[in-house]
Amino acid sequence: MQTEIKEFIQREILKDSGRDIASDEALISSGLIDSFSLVDIALFVEESYGVRIDDAELSTETFDTLAELAALVEQRR
């Protein structure tokens, strides 16, 4: 799951498939991803994994890393 999300971020958000993202790398708090991109990631996750992410959860507290996002999805499955 982390790999699929990472590839989506690399391809669709960063437009750089060669940019590696570690599972514990800060995405939001580091500025790598902006608030508009969070919505795109949430939509991708919802469509890909059949889970619902509340707008209030689009924050650094909920998923600032790939590992945190994957954990959130696993909780919802």
Protein backbone atom coordinates (compact mmCIF):
# COMPACT_ATOMS: atom_id res chain seq x y z
CA MET A 1 0.00 0.00 0.00
CA GLN A 2 2.77 2.45 0.89
CA THR A 3 4.42 1.74 -2.44
CA GLU A 4 1.23 2.47 -4.38
CA ILE A 5 0.63 5.70 -2.48
CA LYS A 6 4.26 6.72 -2.89
CA GLU A 7 4.11 6.09 -6.64
CA PHE A 8 0.92 8.17 -6.89
CA ILE A 9 2.57 11.05 -5.04
CA GLN A 10 5.71 10.81 -7.17
CA ARG A 11 3.78 10.67 -10.44
CA GLU A 12 0.79 12.94 -9.85
CA ILE A 13 1.84 15.36 -7.11
CA LEU A 14 5.59 15.80 -7.46
CA LYS A 15 5.74 14.99 -11.19
CA ASP A 16 9.05 13.25 -10.43
CA SER A 17 8.95 9.46 -10.52
CA GLY A 18 12.63 9.34 -9.58
CA ARG A 19 12.13 11.20 -6.28
CA ASP A 20 12.28 8.61 -3.52
CA ILE A 21 10.06 9.09 -0.48
CA ALA A 22 10.90 7.18 2.69
CA SER A 23 8.01 5.74 4.69
CA ASP A 24 8.87 7.99 7.63
CA GLU A 25 9.64 11.13 5.60
CA ALA A 26 7.55 14.16 6.54
CA LEU A 27 5.32 15.05 3.61
CA ILE A 28 3.27 17.95 4.88
CA SER A 29 5.35 19.52 7.65
CA SER A 30 8.41 19.52 5.38
CA GLY A 31 6.52 21.38 2.66
CA LEU A 32 6.89 18.54 0.15
CA ILE A 33 3.10 18.40 -0.20
CA ASP A 34 0.74 21.37 0.05
CA SER A 35 -2.86 21.48 1.24
CA PHE A 36 -4.29 21.18 -2.27
CA SER A 37 -2.30 18.00 -2.83
CA LEU A 38 -3.71 16.50 0.37
CA VAL A 39 -7.15 16.45 -1.20
CA ASP A 40 -5.80 14.64 -4.28
CA ILE A 41 -4.06 12.07 -2.08
CA ALA A 42 -7.19 11.56 0.02
CA LEU A 43 -9.29 11.01 -3.11
CA PHE A 44 -6.76 8.53 -4.46
CA VAL A 45 -6.74 6.61 -1.17
CA GLU A 46 -10.54 6.61 -0.92
CA GLU A 47 -10.95 5.34 -4.48
CA SER A 48 -8.11 2.81 -4.30
CA TYR A 49 -8.83 1.30 -0.91
CA GLY A 50 -12.54 1.92 -0.37
CA VAL A 51 -12.11 3.96 2.80
CA ARG A 52 -13.38 7.39 3.80
CA ILE A 53 -11.04 10.11 5.03
CA ASP A 54 -12.72 12.98 6.79
CA ASP A 55 -11.68 16.52 5.82
CA ALA A 56 -10.65 17.14 9.43
CA GLU A 57 -8.12 14.30 9.08
CA LEU A 58 -6.22 16.03 6.29
CA SER A 59 -3.46 17.25 8.58
CA THR A 60 0.03 16.55 9.85
CA GLU A 61 -1.47 14.89 12.93
CA THR A 62 -3.22 12.25 10.84
CA PHE A 63 -0.83 11.57 8.01
CA ASP A 64 2.43 13.40 7.66
CA THR A 65 4.21 10.25 6.46
CA LEU A 66 3.43 7.32 4.19
CA ALA A 67 3.51 5.02 7.21
CA GLU A 68 0.91 7.11 9.06
CA LEU A 69 -1.34 7.25 6.02
CA ALA A 70 -1.09 3.49 5.48
CA ALA A 71 -1.91 2.92 9.17
CA LEU A 72 -4.99 5.13 8.86
CA VAL A 73 -6.18 3.17 5.81
CA GLU A 74 -5.58 -0.15 7.57
CA GLN A 75 -7.66 1.03 10.54
CA ARG A 76 -10.54 1.85 8.22
CA ARG A 77 -10.50 -1.39 6.24
